[in-house]
Structures are given as structure tokens and as C-alpha cells.
Amino acid sequence: MKKAYIYRKHQQGEQFLDIANELGLNPSVVSWNYHKLAKQGPDPDFYAPPSMTGRPQVITPHAECQAEQLIASWEC
């Protein structure tokens, strides 16, 4: 709910520093969250999961073998 609070308070004209002090956060964190929500448009989804970024990892044969053994042993 902090994201919704940050978004609404800044829309009402409150400064990032004031919002950060209320929530006990760094102003850059407040600014980053607001701008990330603002990119979604006028009605952002506050519960949207973060997108997966970066390059996918290649599974090595060794890691694949370990995963198969773990699944086969029913310990996960």
C-alpha cells in the first residue's frame, strides 16, 4: 500500500522529501517508486508484479542433473 500512498500524495502536490519523512524511506526510493508507477499512465496497477529483466541464464548439465536428483528424491 506504500506505493499507492506515494502515488496519491505526490499527485496531491506533496514533495518526495515530505512523503519520505512520513514513511521513513529515502527520498530517492519514493521518487523511483512514483516514476515507475507514473509510466503506467493515469491509473497505475499498484499490485502488478515486477517484470523479469536481464538475460536468461543457461542451465548447465551439472545444474540440470542436480535438479533431477532433487526432484527424484522428493526433498523439495
PDB file of N, CA and C in Angstrom:
ATOM      1  N   MET A   1       0.811  -1.193   0.000  1.00  0.00           N
ATOM      2  CA  MET A   1       0.000   0.000   0.000  1.00  0.00           C
ATOM      3  C   MET A   1       0.858   1.263   0.000  1.00  0.00           C
ATOM      4  N   LYS A   2       2.156   1.117   0.288  1.00  0.00           N
ATOM      5  CA  LYS A   2       3.014   2.297   0.279  1.00  0.00           C
ATOM      6  C   LYS A   2       3.090   2.909  -1.111  1.00  0.00           C
ATOM      7  N   LYS A   3       3.064   2.064  -2.141  1.00  0.00           N
ATOM      8  CA  LYS A   3       3.132   2.585  -3.500  1.00  0.00           C
ATOM      9  C   LYS A   3       1.927   3.461  -3.804  1.00  0.00           C
ATOM     10  N   ALA A   4       0.749   3.002  -3.399  1.00  0.00           N
ATOM     11  CA  ALA A   4      -0.468   3.778  -3.633  1.00  0.00           C
ATOM     12  C   ALA A   4      -0.406   5.094  -2.854  1.00  0.00           C
ATOM     13  N   TYR A   5       0.082   5.026  -1.631  1.00  0.00           N
ATOM     14  CA  TYR A   5       0.198   6.224  -0.792  1.00  0.00           C
ATOM     15  C   TYR A   5       1.147   7.234  -1.432  1.00  0.00           C
ATOM     16  N   ILE A   6       2.298   6.747  -1.882  1.00  0.00           N
ATOM     17  CA  ILE A   6       3.283   7.616  -2.531  1.00  0.00           C
ATOM     18  C   ILE A   6       2.676   8.269  -3.766  1.00  0.00           C
ATOM     19  N   TYR A   7       2.025   7.469  -4.586  1.00  0.00           N
ATOM     20  CA  TYR A   7       1.457   7.982  -5.837  1.00  0.00           C
ATOM     21  C   TYR A   7       0.386   9.035  -5.562  1.00  0.00           C
ATOM     22  N   ARG A   8      -0.534   8.735  -4.665  1.00  0.00           N
ATOM     23  CA  ARG A   8      -1.637   9.661  -4.371  1.00  0.00           C
ATOM     24  C   ARG A   8      -1.142  10.956  -3.721  1.00  0.00           C
ATOM     25  N   LYS A   9      -0.219  10.835  -2.766  1.00  0.00           N
ATOM     26  CA  LYS A   9       0.284  12.025  -2.086  1.00  0.00           C
ATOM     27  C   LYS A   9       1.024  12.952  -3.054  1.00  0.00           C
ATOM     28  N   HIS A  10       1.823  12.367  -3.957  1.00  0.00           N
ATOM     29  CA  HIS A  10       2.540  13.218  -4.909  1.00  0.00           C
ATOM     30  C   HIS A  10       1.574  13.832  -5.911  1.00  0.00           C
ATOM     31  N   GLN A  11       0.533  13.103  -6.277  1.00  0.00           N
ATOM     32  CA  GLN A  11      -0.485  13.659  -7.172  1.00  0.00           C
ATOM     33  C   GLN A  11      -1.192  14.845  -6.513  1.00  0.00           C
ATOM     34  N   GLN A  12      -1.292  14.825  -5.196  1.00  0.00           N
ATOM     35  CA  GLN A  12      -1.931  15.914  -4.451  1.00  0.00           C
ATOM     36  C   GLN A  12      -0.978  17.092  -4.237  1.00  0.00           C
ATOM     37  N   GLY A  13       0.272  16.960  -4.691  1.00  0.00           N
ATOM     38  CA  GLY A  13       1.211  18.069  -4.645  1.00  0.00           C
ATOM     39  C   GLY A  13       2.254  17.990  -3.551  1.00  0.00           C
ATOM     40  N   GLU A  14       2.288  16.931  -2.806  1.00  0.00           N
ATOM     41  CA  GLU A  14       3.274  16.809  -1.732  1.00  0.00           C
ATOM     42  C   GLU A  14       4.639  16.441  -2.319  1.00  0.00           C
ATOM     43  N   GLN A  15       5.691  16.964  -1.708  1.00  0.00           N
ATOM     44  CA  GLN A  15       7.061  16.734  -2.175  1.00  0.00           C
ATOM     45  C   GLN A  15       7.547  15.338  -1.773  1.00  0.00           C
ATOM     46  N   PHE A  16       8.491  14.808  -2.556  1.00  0.00           N
ATOM     47  CA  PHE A  16       9.049  13.491  -2.271  1.00  0.00           C
ATOM     48  C   PHE A  16       9.707  13.449  -0.889  1.00  0.00           C
ATOM     49  N   LEU A  17      10.374  14.518  -0.515  1.00  0.00           N
ATOM     50  CA  LEU A  17      11.050  14.563   0.779  1.00  0.00           C
ATOM     51  C   LEU A  17      10.053  14.452   1.930  1.00  0.00           C
ATOM     52  N   ASP A  18       8.923  15.144   1.812  1.00  0.00           N
ATOM     53  CA  ASP A  18       7.899  15.083   2.860  1.00  0.00           C
ATOM     54  C   ASP A  18       7.287  13.688   2.961  1.00  0.00           C
ATOM     55  N   ILE A  19       7.026  13.069   1.818  1.00  0.00           N
ATOM     56  CA  ILE A  19       6.459  11.716   1.796  1.00  0.00           C
ATOM     57  C   ILE A  19       7.465  10.733   2.390  1.00  0.00           C
ATOM     58  N   ALA A  20       8.731  10.890   2.017  1.00  0.00           N
ATOM     59  CA  ALA A  20       9.787  10.006   2.520  1.00  0.00           C
ATOM     60  C   ALA A  20       9.902  10.117   4.031  1.00  0.00           C
ATOM     61  N   ASN A  21       9.816  11.324   4.563  1.00  0.00           N
ATOM     62  CA  ASN A  21       9.908  11.506   6.012  1.00  0.00           C
ATOM     63  C   ASN A  21       8.725  10.854   6.729  1.00  0.00           C
ATOM     64  N   GLU A  22       7.535  10.936   6.146  1.00  0.00           N
ATOM     65  CA  GLU A  22       6.348  10.309   6.747  1.00  0.00           C
ATOM     66  C   GLU A  22       6.498   8.787   6.814  1.00  0.00           C
ATOM     67  N   LEU A  23       7.061   8.212   5.749  1.00  0.00           N
ATOM     68  CA  LEU A  23       7.154   6.758   5.656  1.00  0.00           C
ATOM     69  C   LEU A  23       8.475   6.203   6.191  1.00  0.00           C
ATOM     70  N   GLY A  24       9.420   7.062   6.474  1.00  0.00           N
ATOM     71  CA  GLY A  24      10.719   6.598   6.941  1.00  0.00           C
ATOM     72  C   GLY A  24      11.553   5.979   5.840  1.00  0.00           C
ATOM     73  N   LEU A  25      11.407   6.495   4.628  1.00  0.00           N
ATOM     74  CA  LEU A  25      12.148   5.987   3.475  1.00  0.00           C
ATOM     75  C   LEU A  25      13.091   7.054   2.946  1.00  0.00           C
ATOM     76  N   ASN A  26      14.009   6.635   2.096  1.00  0.00           N
ATOM     77  CA  ASN A  26      14.901   7.549   1.411  1.00  0.00           C
ATOM     78  C   ASN A  26      14.109   8.269   0.320  1.00  0.00           C
ATOM     79  N   PRO A  27      14.285   9.575   0.132  1.00  0.00           N
ATOM     80  CA  PRO A  27      13.540  10.291  -0.913  1.00  0.00           C
ATOM     81  C   PRO A  27      13.756   9.729  -2.317  1.00  0.00           C
ATOM     82  N   SER A  28      14.942   9.178  -2.574  1.00  0.00           N
ATOM     83  CA  SER A  28      15.186   8.616  -3.909  1.00  0.00           C
ATOM     84  C   SER A  28      14.337   7.361  -4.132  1.00  0.00           C
ATOM     85  N   VAL A  29      14.071   6.606  -3.071  1.00  0.00           N
ATOM     86  CA  VAL A  29      13.207   5.421  -3.176  1.00  0.00           C
ATOM     87  C   VAL A  29      11.781   5.852  -3.487  1.00  0.00           C
ATOM     88  N   VAL A  30      11.339   6.907  -2.821  1.00  0.00           N
ATOM     89  CA  VAL A  30       9.989   7.427  -3.052  1.00  0.00           C
ATOM     90  C   VAL A  30       9.858   7.921  -4.485  1.00  0.00           C
ATOM     91  N   SER A  31      10.853   8.676  -4.941  1.00  0.00           N
ATOM     92  CA  SER A  31      10.844   9.201  -6.302  1.00  0.00           C
ATOM     93  C   SER A  31      10.852   8.066  -7.328  1.00  0.00           C
ATOM     94  N   TRP A  32      11.706   7.074  -7.095  1.00  0.00           N
ATOM     95  CA  TRP A  32      11.808   5.939  -8.016  1.00  0.00           C
ATOM     96  C   TRP A  32      10.477   5.206  -8.128  1.00  0.00           C
ATOM     97  N   ASN A  33       9.823   4.953  -6.985  1.00  0.00           N
ATOM     98  CA  ASN A  33       8.531   4.261  -7.000  1.00  0.00           C
ATOM     99  C   ASN A  33       7.465   5.080  -7.698  1.00  0.00           C
ATOM    100  N   TYR A  34       7.440   6.384  -7.448  1.00  0.00           N
ATOM    101  CA  TYR A  34       6.443   7.236  -8.095  1.00  0.00           C
ATOM    102  C   TYR A  34       6.618   7.224  -9.615  1.00  0.00           C
ATOM    103  N   HIS A  35       7.843   7.425 -10.064  1.00  0.00           N
ATOM    104  CA  HIS A  35       8.082   7.494 -11.509  1.00  0.00           C
ATOM    105  C   HIS A  35       7.822   6.155 -12.194  1.00  0.00           C
ATOM    106  N   LYS A  36       8.091   5.073 -11.505  1.00  0.00           N
ATOM    107  CA  LYS A  36       7.802   3.759 -12.066  1.00  0.00           C
ATOM    108  C   LYS A  36       6.289   3.584 -12.255  1.00  0.00           C
ATOM    109  N   LEU A  37       5.505   4.058 -11.287  1.00  0.00           N
ATOM    110  CA  LEU A  37       4.050   3.989 -11.399  1.00  0.00           C
ATOM    111  C   LEU A  37       3.528   4.971 -12.443  1.00  0.00           C
ATOM    112  N   ALA A  38       4.127   6.147 -12.520  1.00  0.00           N
ATOM    113  CA  ALA A  38       3.673   7.166 -13.461  1.00  0.00           C
ATOM    114  C   ALA A  38       3.829   6.704 -14.909  1.00  0.00           C
ATOM    115  N   LYS A  39       4.800   5.830 -15.171  1.00  0.00           N
ATOM    116  CA  LYS A  39       4.992   5.299 -16.523  1.00  0.00           C
ATOM    117  C   LYS A  39       3.809   4.455 -16.984  1.00  0.00           C
ATOM    118  N   GLN A  40       3.029   3.923 -16.023  1.00  0.00           N
ATOM    119  CA  GLN A  40       1.892   3.067 -16.364  1.00  0.00           C
ATOM    120  C   GLN A  40       0.678   3.865 -16.827  1.00  0.00           C
ATOM    121  N   GLY A  41       0.700   5.177 -16.664  1.00  0.00           N
ATOM    122  CA  GLY A  41      -0.415   6.008 -17.095  1.00  0.00           C
ATOM    123  C   GLY A  41      -1.192   6.576 -15.922  1.00  0.00           C
ATOM    124  N   PRO A  42      -2.379   7.138 -16.197  1.00  0.00           N
ATOM    125  CA  PRO A  42      -3.127   7.826 -15.150  1.00  0.00           C
ATOM    126  C   PRO A  42      -3.731   6.918 -14.083  1.00  0.00           C
ATOM    127  N   ASP A  43      -3.897   5.649 -14.372  1.00  0.00           N
ATOM    128  CA  ASP A  43      -4.483   4.722 -13.394  1.00  0.00           C
ATOM    129  C   ASP A  43      -3.585   3.488 -13.265  1.00  0.00           C
ATOM    130  N   PRO A  44      -2.456   3.611 -12.531  1.00  0.00           N
ATOM    131  CA  PRO A  44      -1.498   2.502 -12.455  1.00  0.00           C
ATOM    132  C   PRO A  44      -2.005   1.335 -11.612  1.00  0.00           C
ATOM    133  N   ASP A  45      -1.461   0.163 -11.887  1.00  0.00           N
ATOM    134  CA  ASP A  45      -1.767  -1.043 -11.124  1.00  0.00           C
ATOM    135  C   ASP A  45      -0.726  -1.169 -10.012  1.00  0.00           C
ATOM    136  N   PHE A  46      -1.166  -0.942  -8.768  1.00  0.00           N
ATOM    137  CA  PHE A  46      -0.243  -0.941  -7.641  1.00  0.00           C
ATOM    138  C   PHE A  46       0.205  -2.350  -7.255  1.00  0.00           C
ATOM    139  N   TYR A  47      -0.467  -3.367  -7.749  1.00  0.00           N
ATOM    140  CA  TYR A  47      -0.154  -4.745  -7.375  1.00  0.00           C
ATOM    141  C   TYR A  47       0.485  -5.536  -8.511  1.00  0.00           C
ATOM    142  N   ALA A  48       0.877  -4.867  -9.579  1.00  0.00           N
ATOM    143  CA  ALA A  48       1.495  -5.550 -10.715  1.00  0.00           C
ATOM    144  C   ALA A  48       2.846  -6.132 -10.285  1.00  0.00           C
ATOM    145  N   PRO A  49       3.107  -7.389 -10.626  1.00  0.00           N
ATOM    146  CA  PRO A  49       4.408  -7.975 -10.269  1.00  0.00           C
ATOM    147  C   PRO A  49       5.512  -7.321 -11.102  1.00  0.00           C
ATOM    148  N   PRO A  50       6.708  -7.249 -10.565  1.00  0.00           N
ATOM    149  CA  PRO A  50       7.795  -6.656 -11.330  1.00  0.00           C
ATOM    150  C   PRO A  50       8.124  -7.498 -12.563  1.00  0.00           C
ATOM    151  N   SER A  51       8.494  -6.814 -13.627  1.00  0.00           N
ATOM    152  CA  SER A  51       8.821  -7.542 -14.854  1.00  0.00           C
ATOM    153  C   SER A  51      10.188  -8.193 -14.715  1.00  0.00           C
ATOM    154  N   MET A  52      10.358  -9.311 -15.396  1.00  0.00           N
ATOM    155  CA  MET A  52      11.640 -10.012 -15.389  1.00  0.00           C
ATOM    156  C   MET A  52      12.555  -9.303 -16.380  1.00  0.00           C
ATOM    157  N   THR A  53      13.677  -8.842 -15.900  1.00  0.00           N
ATOM    158  CA  THR A  53      14.623  -8.166 -16.774  1.00  0.00           C
ATOM    159  C   THR A  53      15.937  -8.931 -16.791  1.00  0.00           C
ATOM    160  N   GLY A  54      16.726  -8.625 -17.769  1.00  0.00           N
ATOM    161  CA  GLY A  54      18.042  -9.251 -17.857  1.00  0.00           C
ATOM    162  C   GLY A  54      18.051 -10.441 -18.792  1.00  0.00           C
ATOM    163  N   ARG A  55      19.209 -10.975 -18.961  1.00  0.00           N
ATOM    164  CA  ARG A  55      19.400 -12.105 -19.859  1.00  0.00           C
ATOM    165  C   ARG A  55      19.094 -13.409 -19.135  1.00  0.00           C
ATOM    166  N   PRO A  56      18.350 -14.310 -19.770  1.00  0.00           N
ATOM    167  CA  PRO A  56      18.067 -15.601 -19.131  1.00  0.00           C
ATOM    168  C   PRO A  56      19.354 -16.408 -18.927  1.00  0.00           C
ATOM    169  N   GLN A  57      19.393 -17.163 -17.858  1.00  0.00           N
ATOM    170  CA  GLN A  57      20.547 -17.990 -17.550  1.00  0.00           C
ATOM    171  C   GLN A  57      20.459 -19.323 -18.302  1.00  0.00           C
ATOM    172  N   VAL A  58      21.604 -19.800 -18.746  1.00  0.00           N
ATOM    173  CA  VAL A  58      21.679 -21.110 -19.384  1.00  0.00           C
ATOM    174  C   VAL A  58      21.895 -22.141 -18.275  1.00  0.00           C
ATOM    175  N   ILE A  59      21.091 -23.198 -18.286  1.00  0.00           N
ATOM    176  CA  ILE A  59      21.228 -24.254 -17.280  1.00  0.00           C
ATOM    177  C   ILE A  59      22.344 -25.190 -17.720  1.00  0.00           C
ATOM    178  N   THR A  60      23.329 -25.348 -16.877  1.00  0.00           N
ATOM    179  CA  THR A  60      24.455 -26.225 -17.193  1.00  0.00           C
ATOM    180  C   THR A  60      24.018 -27.676 -17.008  1.00  0.00           C
ATOM    181  N   PRO A  61      24.689 -28.609 -17.665  1.00  0.00           N
ATOM    182  CA  PRO A  61      24.348 -30.020 -17.473  1.00  0.00           C
ATOM    183  C   PRO A  61      24.461 -30.452 -16.010  1.00  0.00           C
ATOM    184  N   HIS A  62      25.440 -29.919 -15.297  1.00  0.00           N
ATOM    185  CA  HIS A  62      25.612 -30.262 -13.888  1.00  0.00           C
ATOM    186  C   HIS A  62      24.416 -29.776 -13.066  1.00  0.00           C
ATOM    187  N   ALA A  63      23.961 -28.530 -13.289  1.00  0.00           N
ATOM    188  CA  ALA A  63      22.821 -27.987 -12.555  1.00  0.00           C
ATOM    189  C   ALA A  63      21.548 -28.763 -12.909  1.00  0.00           C
ATOM    190  N   GLU A  64      21.426 -29.176 -14.159  1.00  0.00           N
ATOM    191  CA  GLU A  64      20.260 -29.954 -14.578  1.00  0.00           C
ATOM    192  C   GLU A  64      20.235 -31.306 -13.866  1.00  0.00           C
ATOM    193  N   CYS A  65      21.393 -31.933 -13.764  1.00  0.00           N
ATOM    194  CA  CYS A  65      21.499 -33.225 -13.084  1.00  0.00           C
ATOM    195  C   CYS A  65      21.141 -33.081 -11.604  1.00  0.00           C
ATOM    196  N   GLN A  66      21.636 -32.024 -10.967  1.00  0.00           N
ATOM    197  CA  GLN A  66      21.312 -31.788  -9.557  1.00  0.00           C
ATOM    198  C   GLN A  66      19.813 -31.571  -9.367  1.00  0.00           C
ATOM    199  N   ALA A  67      19.194 -30.838 -10.261  1.00  0.00           N
ATOM    200  CA  ALA A  67      17.759 -30.590 -10.168  1.00  0.00           C
ATOM    201  C   ALA A  67      16.975 -31.889 -10.331  1.00  0.00           C
ATOM    202  N   GLU A  68      17.381 -32.723 -11.269  1.00  0.00           N
ATOM    203  CA  GLU A  68      16.708 -34.011 -11.477  1.00  0.00           C
ATOM    204  C   GLU A  68      16.829 -34.896 -10.235  1.00  0.00           C
ATOM    205  N   GLN A  69      18.003 -34.924  -9.618  1.00  0.00           N
ATOM    206  CA  GLN A  69      18.193 -35.733  -8.412  1.00  0.00           C
ATOM    207  C   GLN A  69      17.349 -35.214  -7.255  1.00  0.00           C
ATOM    208  N   LEU A  70      17.256 -33.897  -7.120  1.00  0.00           N
ATOM    209  CA  LEU A  70      16.457 -33.307  -6.051  1.00  0.00           C
ATOM    210  C   LEU A  70      14.977 -33.607  -6.243  1.00  0.00           C
ATOM    211  N   ILE A  71      14.507 -33.500  -7.480  1.00  0.00           N
ATOM    212  CA  ILE A  71      13.098 -33.813  -7.759  1.00  0.00           C
ATOM    213  C   ILE A  71      12.808 -35.284  -7.531  1.00  0.00           C
ATOM    214  N   ALA A  72      13.737 -36.134  -7.961  1.00  0.00           N
ATOM    215  CA  ALA A  72      13.541 -37.570  -7.818  1.00  0.00           C
ATOM    216  C   ALA A  72      13.553 -38.000  -6.343  1.00  0.00           C
ATOM    217  N   SER A  73      14.266 -37.257  -5.495  1.00  0.00           N
ATOM    218  CA  SER A  73      14.354 -37.656  -4.079  1.00  0.00           C
ATOM    219  C   SER A  73      13.181 -37.146  -3.259  1.00  0.00           C
ATOM    220  N   TRP A  74      12.314 -36.300  -3.816  1.00  0.00           N
ATOM    221  CA  TRP A  74      11.133 -35.752  -3.144  1.00  0.00           C
ATOM    222  C   TRP A  74      11.514 -34.930  -1.914  1.00  0.00           C
ATOM    223  N   GLU A  75      12.677 -34.296  -1.918  1.00  0.00           N
ATOM    224  CA  GLU A  75      13.109 -33.481  -0.786  1.00  0.00           C
ATOM    225  C   GLU A  75      12.852 -32.001  -1.016  1.00  0.00           C
ATOM    226  N   CYS A  76      12.215 -31.649  -2.092  1.00  0.00           N
ATOM    227  CA  CYS A  76      11.963 -30.221  -2.333  1.00  0.00           C
ATOM    228  C   CYS A  76      10.508 -29.901  -2.188  1.00  0.00           C
TER     229      CYS A  76
END
